[in-house]
Amino acid sequence: MNYSKIFSLEDKGVIVSGGAGYLGSKIVEGLLDFGAKVVIADMVEEDSLEMLNDKENFNKLFFIKCDLLNTKSVQQMYEKAEQLLGSIDVLFNCAAYTGYGGTGDADQMSDEIWNQGIEGTLGMTFRCIREVIPFMKKNLKGSIINFGSLYAFIAPDFRIYPEGFNSPPNYGAGKAAIVQLTRHCASQFSNFGIRVNSITPGSFPHPETQEHDLFMKNLSDRTMLGRIGYPEDLLGAAILLASDASSYMTGANVTVDGGTTAW
């Protein structure tokens, strides 16, 4: 066996929902470097994605504007993606939308905002899984990688949050449900050669949030490694789960949190 090739993604067709985002865009870069053909499924405008203009990505990187809250839009995205990629071998469910509108406290959040957050985490992931399964079933193979969260397993420490910051309850609740949905689907679709795993990032604050020095220090102090996470820290887990190197992994949750949940 040529072990140097087990992480290769050559000839694999990959879809990354939310691939234009802070974490998703770095995962797209890593997938391309390992030889995959990639479709970014996102709501942004196509001309905002500079990586699409890179000549090295010609015939390897594609963009499909997709409303992941709309079943018909998701179905159409998969149909077009299969035409572009040849086959849909891997799906990364990176996209998330909480509907957070400044009412993040559990005793103040409206039903509308609560439901938006659950739909924008659990609902979008479920919909993307449900609609990709027929494409993977006919190939008798596939790898689905969902994204959990640190707050699927532990509570936010609100003592470290500066004024104006919050972590809404529907986000953690939705992400916790995604981890369980991962296990359920791993069991249900294993007979079709479809593997379903999840990645749980720890503290990966957006660059705008990183401008708050005290908050960043507090987050860093809560990790064993003494720092926040950066998008490239997720690439090892992402390539592992997308490639044949993880051929005996399904129903697993890979935690990338600098040791936060190990304490």
C-alpha atoms as a PDB file:
ATOM      1  CA  MET A   1       0.000   0.000   0.000  1.00  0.00           C
ATOM      2  CA  ASN A   2       1.242   3.472  -0.889  1.00  0.00           C
ATOM      3  CA  TYR A   3       0.716   5.263   2.404  1.00  0.00           C
ATOM      4  CA  SER A   4       1.874   8.575   0.939  1.00  0.00           C
ATOM      5  CA  LYS A   5      -1.381   8.763  -1.031  1.00  0.00           C
ATOM      6  CA  ILE A   6      -3.988   7.972   1.624  1.00  0.00           C
ATOM      7  CA  PHE A   7      -4.498  11.677   2.329  1.00  0.00           C
ATOM      8  CA  SER A   8      -4.777  12.524  -1.365  1.00  0.00           C
ATOM      9  CA  LEU A   9      -8.031  14.053  -2.583  1.00  0.00           C
ATOM     10  CA  GLU A  10      -7.246  13.721  -6.281  1.00  0.00           C
ATOM     11  CA  ASP A  11     -10.397  13.116  -8.343  1.00  0.00           C
ATOM     12  CA  LYS A  12     -12.679  13.726  -5.347  1.00  0.00           C
ATOM     13  CA  GLY A  13     -15.573  16.142  -5.755  1.00  0.00           C
ATOM     14  CA  VAL A  14     -16.160  18.185  -2.607  1.00  0.00           C
ATOM     15  CA  ILE A  15     -18.884  20.656  -1.634  1.00  0.00           C
ATOM     16  CA  VAL A  16     -18.257  23.166   1.158  1.00  0.00           C
ATOM     17  CA  SER A  17     -21.360  24.930   2.434  1.00  0.00           C
ATOM     18  CA  GLY A  18     -20.359  28.276   3.876  1.00  0.00           C
ATOM     19  CA  GLY A  19     -17.111  27.987   1.939  1.00  0.00           C
ATOM     20  CA  ALA A  20     -16.817  31.751   1.624  1.00  0.00           C
ATOM     21  CA  GLY A  21     -16.682  32.231   5.399  1.00  0.00           C
ATOM     22  CA  TYR A  22     -13.792  32.721   7.820  1.00  0.00           C
ATOM     23  CA  LEU A  23     -13.258  29.017   8.532  1.00  0.00           C
ATOM     24  CA  GLY A  24     -14.804  27.568   5.391  1.00  0.00           C
ATOM     25  CA  SER A  25     -12.571  29.498   2.999  1.00  0.00           C
ATOM     26  CA  LYS A  26      -9.410  28.106   4.606  1.00  0.00           C
ATOM     27  CA  ILE A  27     -10.801  24.578   4.377  1.00  0.00           C
ATOM     28  CA  VAL A  28     -11.461  25.182   0.679  1.00  0.00           C
ATOM     29  CA  GLU A  29      -7.812  26.215   0.221  1.00  0.00           C
ATOM     30  CA  GLY A  30      -6.592  23.052   1.942  1.00  0.00           C
ATOM     31  CA  LEU A  31      -8.859  20.813  -0.123  1.00  0.00           C
ATOM     32  CA  LEU A  32      -7.547  22.359  -3.332  1.00  0.00           C
ATOM     33  CA  ASP A  33      -3.950  21.860  -2.191  1.00  0.00           C
ATOM     34  CA  PHE A  34      -4.657  18.156  -1.701  1.00  0.00           C
ATOM     35  CA  GLY A  35      -6.050  17.809  -5.217  1.00  0.00           C
ATOM     36  CA  ALA A  36      -9.808  18.029  -4.745  1.00  0.00           C
ATOM     37  CA  LYS A  37     -12.292  19.711  -7.045  1.00  0.00           C
ATOM     38  CA  VAL A  38     -14.400  21.998  -4.887  1.00  0.00           C
ATOM     39  CA  VAL A  39     -17.765  23.719  -5.074  1.00  0.00           C
ATOM     40  CA  ILE A  40     -18.391  26.587  -2.666  1.00  0.00           C
ATOM     41  CA  ALA A  41     -22.097  26.788  -1.789  1.00  0.00           C
ATOM     42  CA  ASP A  42     -22.812  30.129  -0.162  1.00  0.00           C
ATOM     43  CA  MET A  43     -25.071  33.182  -0.234  1.00  0.00           C
ATOM     44  CA  VAL A  44     -22.372  35.757  -1.004  1.00  0.00           C
ATOM     45  CA  GLU A  45     -21.972  37.315  -4.417  1.00  0.00           C
ATOM     46  CA  GLU A  46     -19.602  35.431  -6.714  1.00  0.00           C
ATOM     47  CA  ASP A  47     -17.488  38.488  -7.556  1.00  0.00           C
ATOM     48  CA  SER A  48     -16.555  38.853  -3.872  1.00  0.00           C
ATOM     49  CA  LEU A  49     -14.503  35.633  -3.917  1.00  0.00           C
ATOM     50  CA  GLU A  50     -10.966  36.440  -5.019  1.00  0.00           C
ATOM     51  CA  MET A  51      -9.880  32.796  -4.990  1.00  0.00           C
ATOM     52  CA  LEU A  52     -12.128  32.160  -7.986  1.00  0.00           C
ATOM     53  CA  ASN A  53      -9.828  34.387 -10.023  1.00  0.00           C
ATOM     54  CA  ASP A  54      -6.695  32.374  -9.216  1.00  0.00           C
ATOM     55  CA  LYS A  55      -5.526  30.674 -12.418  1.00  0.00           C
ATOM     56  CA  GLU A  56      -4.275  27.696 -10.407  1.00  0.00           C
ATOM     57  CA  ASN A  57      -7.890  27.006  -9.420  1.00  0.00           C
ATOM     58  CA  PHE A  58      -9.162  26.894 -13.005  1.00  0.00           C
ATOM     59  CA  ASN A  59     -11.412  23.847 -13.482  1.00  0.00           C
ATOM     60  CA  LYS A  60     -10.885  22.951  -9.801  1.00  0.00           C
ATOM     61  CA  LEU A  61     -12.896  25.563  -7.918  1.00  0.00           C
ATOM     62  CA  PHE A  62     -16.499  26.531  -8.580  1.00  0.00           C
ATOM     63  CA  PHE A  63     -19.123  28.675  -6.901  1.00  0.00           C
ATOM     64  CA  ILE A  64     -22.866  28.094  -6.679  1.00  0.00           C
ATOM     65  CA  LYS A  65     -24.991  30.683  -4.948  1.00  0.00           C
ATOM     66  CA  CYS A  66     -27.337  28.772  -2.680  1.00  0.00           C
ATOM     67  CA  ASP A  67     -29.903  29.549  -0.003  1.00  0.00           C
ATOM     68  CA  LEU A  68     -29.291  26.712   2.451  1.00  0.00           C
ATOM     69  CA  LEU A  69     -32.553  27.554   4.212  1.00  0.00           C
ATOM     70  CA  ASN A  70     -34.483  26.623   1.058  1.00  0.00           C
ATOM     71  CA  THR A  71     -34.854  22.976   0.043  1.00  0.00           C
ATOM     72  CA  LYS A  72     -35.336  23.685  -3.658  1.00  0.00           C
ATOM     73  CA  SER A  73     -32.215  25.856  -3.738  1.00  0.00           C
ATOM     74  CA  VAL A  74     -30.197  23.078  -2.073  1.00  0.00           C
ATOM     75  CA  GLN A  75     -31.507  20.468  -4.512  1.00  0.00           C
ATOM     76  CA  GLN A  76     -30.609  22.634  -7.495  1.00  0.00           C
ATOM     77  CA  MET A  77     -27.155  23.282  -6.041  1.00  0.00           C
ATOM     78  CA  TYR A  78     -26.421  19.542  -5.782  1.00  0.00           C
ATOM     79  CA  GLU A  79     -27.636  18.878  -9.315  1.00  0.00           C
ATOM     80  CA  LYS A  80     -25.369  21.587 -10.703  1.00  0.00           C
ATOM     81  CA  ALA A  81     -22.468  20.533  -8.454  1.00  0.00           C
ATOM     82  CA  GLU A  82     -22.623  16.964  -9.742  1.00  0.00           C
ATOM     83  CA  GLN A  83     -22.386  18.268 -13.304  1.00  0.00           C
ATOM     84  CA  LEU A  84     -19.351  20.395 -12.415  1.00  0.00           C
ATOM     85  CA  LEU A  85     -17.551  17.821 -10.260  1.00  0.00           C
ATOM     86  CA  GLY A  86     -18.518  14.567 -11.938  1.00  0.00           C
ATOM     87  CA  SER A  87     -19.483  13.079  -8.583  1.00  0.00           C
ATOM     88  CA  ILE A  88     -20.207  14.338  -5.076  1.00  0.00           C
ATOM     89  CA  ASP A  89     -17.792  12.449  -2.848  1.00  0.00           C
ATOM     90  CA  VAL A  90     -17.479  14.751   0.168  1.00  0.00           C
ATOM     91  CA  LEU A  91     -19.715  17.311   1.850  1.00  0.00           C
ATOM     92  CA  PHE A  92     -18.540  19.804   4.458  1.00  0.00           C
ATOM     93  CA  ASN A  93     -21.400  21.435   6.369  1.00  0.00           C
ATOM     94  CA  CYS A  94     -19.617  24.604   7.520  1.00  0.00           C
ATOM     95  CA  ALA A  95     -22.424  27.122   7.141  1.00  0.00           C
ATOM     96  CA  ALA A  96     -24.287  28.437  10.171  1.00  0.00           C
ATOM     97  CA  TYR A  97     -26.642  31.325  10.823  1.00  0.00           C
ATOM     98  CA  THR A  98     -28.021  32.010  14.308  1.00  0.00           C
ATOM     99  CA  GLY A  99     -30.366  34.885  13.580  1.00  0.00           C
ATOM    100  CA  TYR A 100     -28.824  36.557  16.609  1.00  0.00           C
ATOM    101  CA  GLY A 101     -30.192  40.070  16.872  1.00  0.00           C
ATOM    102  CA  GLY A 102     -28.887  41.374  20.176  1.00  0.00           C
ATOM    103  CA  THR A 103     -31.351  39.369  22.262  1.00  0.00           C
ATOM    104  CA  GLY A 104     -29.045  36.520  23.163  1.00  0.00           C
ATOM    105  CA  ASP A 105     -30.023  35.967  26.793  1.00  0.00           C
ATOM    106  CA  ALA A 106     -32.086  32.830  27.355  1.00  0.00           C
ATOM    107  CA  ASP A 107     -34.668  34.772  29.368  1.00  0.00           C
ATOM    108  CA  GLN A 108     -35.102  37.426  26.663  1.00  0.00           C
ATOM    109  CA  MET A 109     -34.809  35.614  23.335  1.00  0.00           C
ATOM    110  CA  SER A 110     -38.000  35.620  21.277  1.00  0.00           C
ATOM    111  CA  ASP A 111     -39.483  32.501  19.694  1.00  0.00           C
ATOM    112  CA  GLU A 112     -38.660  33.941  16.280  1.00  0.00           C
ATOM    113  CA  ILE A 113     -34.954  34.427  17.018  1.00  0.00           C
ATOM    114  CA  TRP A 114     -34.772  31.038  18.756  1.00  0.00           C
ATOM    115  CA  ASN A 115     -36.242  29.281  15.737  1.00  0.00           C
ATOM    116  CA  GLN A 116     -33.994  31.172  13.318  1.00  0.00           C
ATOM    117  CA  GLY A 117     -30.926  29.993  15.211  1.00  0.00           C
ATOM    118  CA  ILE A 118     -32.015  26.357  15.358  1.00  0.00           C
ATOM    119  CA  GLU A 119     -32.936  26.407  11.672  1.00  0.00           C
ATOM    120  CA  GLY A 120     -29.672  28.171  10.805  1.00  0.00           C
ATOM    121  CA  THR A 121     -27.563  25.516  12.546  1.00  0.00           C
ATOM    122  CA  LEU A 122     -29.365  22.185  12.873  1.00  0.00           C
ATOM    123  CA  GLY A 123     -31.903  22.826  10.109  1.00  0.00           C
ATOM    124  CA  MET A 124     -29.365  23.777   7.447  1.00  0.00           C
ATOM    125  CA  THR A 125     -27.137  20.820   8.293  1.00  0.00           C
ATOM    126  CA  PHE A 126     -30.052  18.377   8.258  1.00  0.00           C
ATOM    127  CA  ARG A 127     -31.320  19.716   4.939  1.00  0.00           C
ATOM    128  CA  CYS A 128     -27.894  19.477   3.314  1.00  0.00           C
ATOM    129  CA  ILE A 129     -27.446  15.901   4.539  1.00  0.00           C
ATOM    130  CA  ARG A 130     -30.914  14.794   3.455  1.00  0.00           C
ATOM    131  CA  GLU A 131     -30.549  16.161  -0.059  1.00  0.00           C
ATOM    132  CA  VAL A 132     -27.006  14.861  -0.674  1.00  0.00           C
ATOM    133  CA  ILE A 133     -27.736  11.278   0.394  1.00  0.00           C
ATOM    134  CA  PRO A 134     -29.311  10.227  -2.970  1.00  0.00           C
ATOM    135  CA  PHE A 135     -26.173  11.373  -4.811  1.00  0.00           C
ATOM    136  CA  MET A 136     -23.907   9.388  -2.478  1.00  0.00           C
ATOM    137  CA  LYS A 137     -26.180   6.345  -2.356  1.00  0.00           C
ATOM    138  CA  LYS A 138     -25.947   5.782  -6.085  1.00  0.00           C
ATOM    139  CA  ASN A 139     -22.140   5.825  -5.834  1.00  0.00           C
ATOM    140  CA  LEU A 140     -22.159   3.619  -2.705  1.00  0.00           C
ATOM    141  CA  LYS A 141     -19.666   5.937  -1.060  1.00  0.00           C
ATOM    142  CA  GLY A 142     -19.323   9.355   0.488  1.00  0.00           C
ATOM    143  CA  SER A 143     -17.982  11.326   3.403  1.00  0.00           C
ATOM    144  CA  ILE A 144     -20.069  13.940   5.219  1.00  0.00           C
ATOM    145  CA  ILE A 145     -18.338  16.226   7.702  1.00  0.00           C
ATOM    146  CA  ASN A 146     -20.528  18.339   9.965  1.00  0.00           C
ATOM    147  CA  PHE A 147     -19.392  21.159  12.217  1.00  0.00           C
ATOM    148  CA  GLY A 148     -20.184  21.143  15.904  1.00  0.00           C
ATOM    149  CA  SER A 149     -18.969  23.656  18.445  1.00  0.00           C
ATOM    150  CA  LEU A 150     -17.224  23.914  21.773  1.00  0.00           C
ATOM    151  CA  TYR A 151     -20.599  25.027  23.125  1.00  0.00           C
ATOM    152  CA  ALA A 152     -22.177  21.744  22.100  1.00  0.00           C
ATOM    153  CA  PHE A 153     -20.346  20.244  25.100  1.00  0.00           C
ATOM    154  CA  ILE A 154     -19.652  23.031  27.582  1.00  0.00           C
ATOM    155  CA  ALA A 155     -21.366  26.267  28.551  1.00  0.00           C
ATOM    156  CA  PRO A 156     -19.993  29.695  27.671  1.00  0.00           C
ATOM    157  CA  ASP A 157     -18.195  31.348  30.584  1.00  0.00           C
ATOM    158  CA  PHE A 158     -20.110  34.608  30.641  1.00  0.00           C
ATOM    159  CA  ARG A 159     -17.700  36.073  33.184  1.00  0.00           C
ATOM    160  CA  ILE A 160     -15.180  36.671  30.401  1.00  0.00           C
ATOM    161  CA  TYR A 161     -17.588  38.239  27.898  1.00  0.00           C
ATOM    162  CA  PRO A 162     -17.235  42.010  27.548  1.00  0.00           C
ATOM    163  CA  GLU A 163     -20.319  44.195  27.328  1.00  0.00           C
ATOM    164  CA  GLY A 164     -22.070  43.753  24.005  1.00  0.00           C
ATOM    165  CA  PHE A 165     -20.743  40.217  23.499  1.00  0.00           C
ATOM    166  CA  ASN A 166     -22.820  37.106  23.937  1.00  0.00           C
ATOM    167  CA  SER A 167     -23.161  33.484  22.910  1.00  0.00           C
ATOM    168  CA  PRO A 168     -26.846  32.827  22.236  1.00  0.00           C
ATOM    169  CA  PRO A 169     -28.422  29.629  23.617  1.00  0.00           C
ATOM    170  CA  ASN A 170     -29.844  28.553  20.259  1.00  0.00           C
ATOM    171  CA  TYR A 171     -26.328  28.328  18.806  1.00  0.00           C
ATOM    172  CA  GLY A 172     -25.039  25.838  21.377  1.00  0.00           C
ATOM    173  CA  ALA A 173     -28.306  23.905  21.351  1.00  0.00           C
ATOM    174  CA  GLY A 174     -28.278  23.637  17.559  1.00  0.00           C
ATOM    175  CA  LYS A 175     -24.635  22.563  17.465  1.00  0.00           C
ATOM    176  CA  ALA A 176     -25.173  19.923  20.163  1.00  0.00           C
ATOM    177  CA  ALA A 177     -28.004  18.501  18.079  1.00  0.00           C
ATOM    178  CA  ILE A 178     -25.731  18.428  15.009  1.00  0.00           C
ATOM    179  CA  VAL A 179     -23.262  16.189  16.852  1.00  0.00           C
ATOM    180  CA  GLN A 180     -26.085  13.764  17.684  1.00  0.00           C
ATOM    181  CA  LEU A 181     -27.436  13.974  14.129  1.00  0.00           C
ATOM    182  CA  THR A 182     -23.944  13.004  12.963  1.00  0.00           C
ATOM    183  CA  ARG A 183     -24.080   9.778  14.990  1.00  0.00           C
ATOM    184  CA  HIS A 184     -27.597   8.992  13.808  1.00  0.00           C
ATOM    185  CA  CYS A 185     -26.769   9.425  10.130  1.00  0.00           C
ATOM    186  CA  ALA A 186     -23.495   7.515  10.493  1.00  0.00           C
ATOM    187  CA  SER A 187     -25.491   4.529  11.705  1.00  0.00           C
ATOM    188  CA  GLN A 188     -28.334   4.829   9.218  1.00  0.00           C
ATOM    189  CA  PHE A 189     -26.285   5.242   6.033  1.00  0.00           C
ATOM    190  CA  SER A 190     -23.266   3.024   6.758  1.00  0.00           C
ATOM    191  CA  ASN A 191     -24.679   0.226   4.562  1.00  0.00           C
ATOM    192  CA  PHE A 192     -24.291   2.546   1.583  1.00  0.00           C
ATOM    193  CA  GLY A 193     -20.607   3.209   2.234  1.00  0.00           C
ATOM    194  CA  ILE A 194     -21.402   6.703   3.504  1.00  0.00           C
ATOM    195  CA  ARG A 195     -19.363   7.912   6.468  1.00  0.00           C
ATOM    196  CA  VAL A 196     -20.598  10.773   8.648  1.00  0.00           C
ATOM    197  CA  ASN A 197     -18.325  12.512  11.139  1.00  0.00           C
ATOM    198  CA  SER A 198     -18.104  15.893  12.804  1.00  0.00           C
ATOM    199  CA  ILE A 199     -15.428  18.414  13.686  1.00  0.00           C
ATOM    200  CA  THR A 200     -15.806  20.460  16.852  1.00  0.00           C
ATOM    201  CA  PRO A 201     -13.766  23.669  16.784  1.00  0.00           C
ATOM    202  CA  GLY A 202     -12.920  25.402  20.035  1.00  0.00           C
ATOM    203  CA  SER A 203     -12.355  29.150  20.250  1.00  0.00           C
ATOM    204  CA  PHE A 204     -11.899  30.413  16.694  1.00  0.00           C
ATOM    205  CA  PRO A 205     -13.005  34.044  17.018  1.00  0.00           C
ATOM    206  CA  HIS A 206     -13.521  36.138  13.907  1.00  0.00           C
ATOM    207  CA  PRO A 207     -10.757  38.700  13.167  1.00  0.00           C
ATOM    208  CA  GLU A 208     -13.063  41.531  14.216  1.00  0.00           C
ATOM    209  CA  THR A 209     -13.449  39.929  17.626  1.00  0.00           C
ATOM    210  CA  GLN A 210      -9.690  39.449  17.912  1.00  0.00           C
ATOM    211  CA  GLU A 211      -9.322  43.218  18.260  1.00  0.00           C
ATOM    212  CA  HIS A 212     -10.589  42.906  21.863  1.00  0.00           C
ATOM    213  CA  ASP A 213      -7.319  42.109  23.632  1.00  0.00           C
ATOM    214  CA  LEU A 214      -8.718  41.272  27.070  1.00  0.00           C
ATOM    215  CA  PHE A 215     -11.332  38.927  25.654  1.00  0.00           C
ATOM    216  CA  MET A 216      -8.678  37.189  23.518  1.00  0.00           C
ATOM    217  CA  LYS A 217      -6.450  36.757  26.571  1.00  0.00           C
ATOM    218  CA  ASN A 218      -9.321  35.277  28.556  1.00  0.00           C
ATOM    219  CA  LEU A 219     -10.147  32.834  25.757  1.00  0.00           C
ATOM    220  CA  SER A 220      -6.498  31.866  25.370  1.00  0.00           C
ATOM    221  CA  ASP A 221      -6.103  31.273  29.107  1.00  0.00           C
ATOM    222  CA  ARG A 222      -8.914  28.710  28.959  1.00  0.00           C
ATOM    223  CA  THR A 223      -6.976  26.449  26.587  1.00  0.00           C
ATOM    224  CA  MET A 224      -4.150  24.082  27.474  1.00  0.00           C
ATOM    225  CA  LEU A 225      -2.113  25.446  24.576  1.00  0.00           C
ATOM    226  CA  GLY A 226      -2.578  29.042  25.710  1.00  0.00           C
ATOM    227  CA  ARG A 227      -3.893  30.500  22.451  1.00  0.00           C
ATOM    228  CA  ILE A 228      -6.991  30.844  20.311  1.00  0.00           C
ATOM    229  CA  GLY A 229      -7.514  28.755  17.196  1.00  0.00           C
ATOM    230  CA  TYR A 230      -6.874  29.917  13.649  1.00  0.00           C
ATOM    231  CA  PRO A 231      -8.520  28.527  10.488  1.00  0.00           C
ATOM    232  CA  GLU A 232      -5.419  26.589   9.423  1.00  0.00           C
ATOM    233  CA  ASP A 233      -5.622  24.646  12.705  1.00  0.00           C
ATOM    234  CA  LEU A 234      -8.687  22.860  11.315  1.00  0.00           C
ATOM    235  CA  LEU A 235      -7.025  21.632   8.121  1.00  0.00           C
ATOM    236  CA  GLY A 236      -5.520  18.462   9.555  1.00  0.00           C
ATOM    237  CA  ALA A 237      -8.884  17.193  10.786  1.00  0.00           C
ATOM    238  CA  ALA A 238     -10.636  18.328   7.616  1.00  0.00           C
ATOM    239  CA  ILE A 239      -8.246  16.543   5.240  1.00  0.00           C
ATOM    240  CA  LEU A 240      -8.258  13.437   7.426  1.00  0.00           C
ATOM    241  CA  LEU A 241     -12.042  13.090   7.370  1.00  0.00           C
ATOM    242  CA  ALA A 242     -12.356  13.920   3.667  1.00  0.00           C
ATOM    243  CA  SER A 243      -9.694  11.425   2.595  1.00  0.00           C
ATOM    244  CA  ASP A 244      -9.297   7.657   2.626  1.00  0.00           C
ATOM    245  CA  ALA A 245      -7.056   8.030   5.663  1.00  0.00           C
ATOM    246  CA  SER A 246     -10.260   7.978   7.729  1.00  0.00           C
ATOM    247  CA  SER A 247     -11.858   5.036   5.911  1.00  0.00           C
ATOM    248  CA  TYR A 248     -12.608   3.285   9.239  1.00  0.00           C
ATOM    249  CA  MET A 249     -13.986   6.378  10.956  1.00  0.00           C
ATOM    250  CA  THR A 250     -17.689   7.126  11.141  1.00  0.00           C
ATOM    251  CA  GLY A 251     -19.900   8.553  13.861  1.00  0.00           C
ATOM    252  CA  ALA A 252     -16.841  10.234  15.347  1.00  0.00           C
ATOM    253  CA  ASN A 253     -16.440  13.771  16.628  1.00  0.00           C
ATOM    254  CA  VAL A 254     -12.957  15.236  16.247  1.00  0.00           C
ATOM    255  CA  THR A 255     -12.372  18.020  18.750  1.00  0.00           C
ATOM    256  CA  VAL A 256      -9.932  20.797  17.769  1.00  0.00           C
ATOM    257  CA  ASP A 257     -10.003  23.097  20.785  1.00  0.00           C
ATOM    258  CA  GLY A 258      -6.465  23.487  22.137  1.00  0.00           C
ATOM    259  CA  GLY A 259      -7.409  21.274  25.063  1.00  0.00           C
ATOM    260  CA  THR A 260     -10.271  23.398  26.414  1.00  0.00           C
ATOM    261  CA  THR A 261     -12.693  20.530  26.962  1.00  0.00           C
ATOM    262  CA  ALA A 262      -9.981  18.214  28.328  1.00  0.00           C
ATOM    263  CA  TRP A 263      -9.699  20.197  31.545  1.00  0.00           C
END
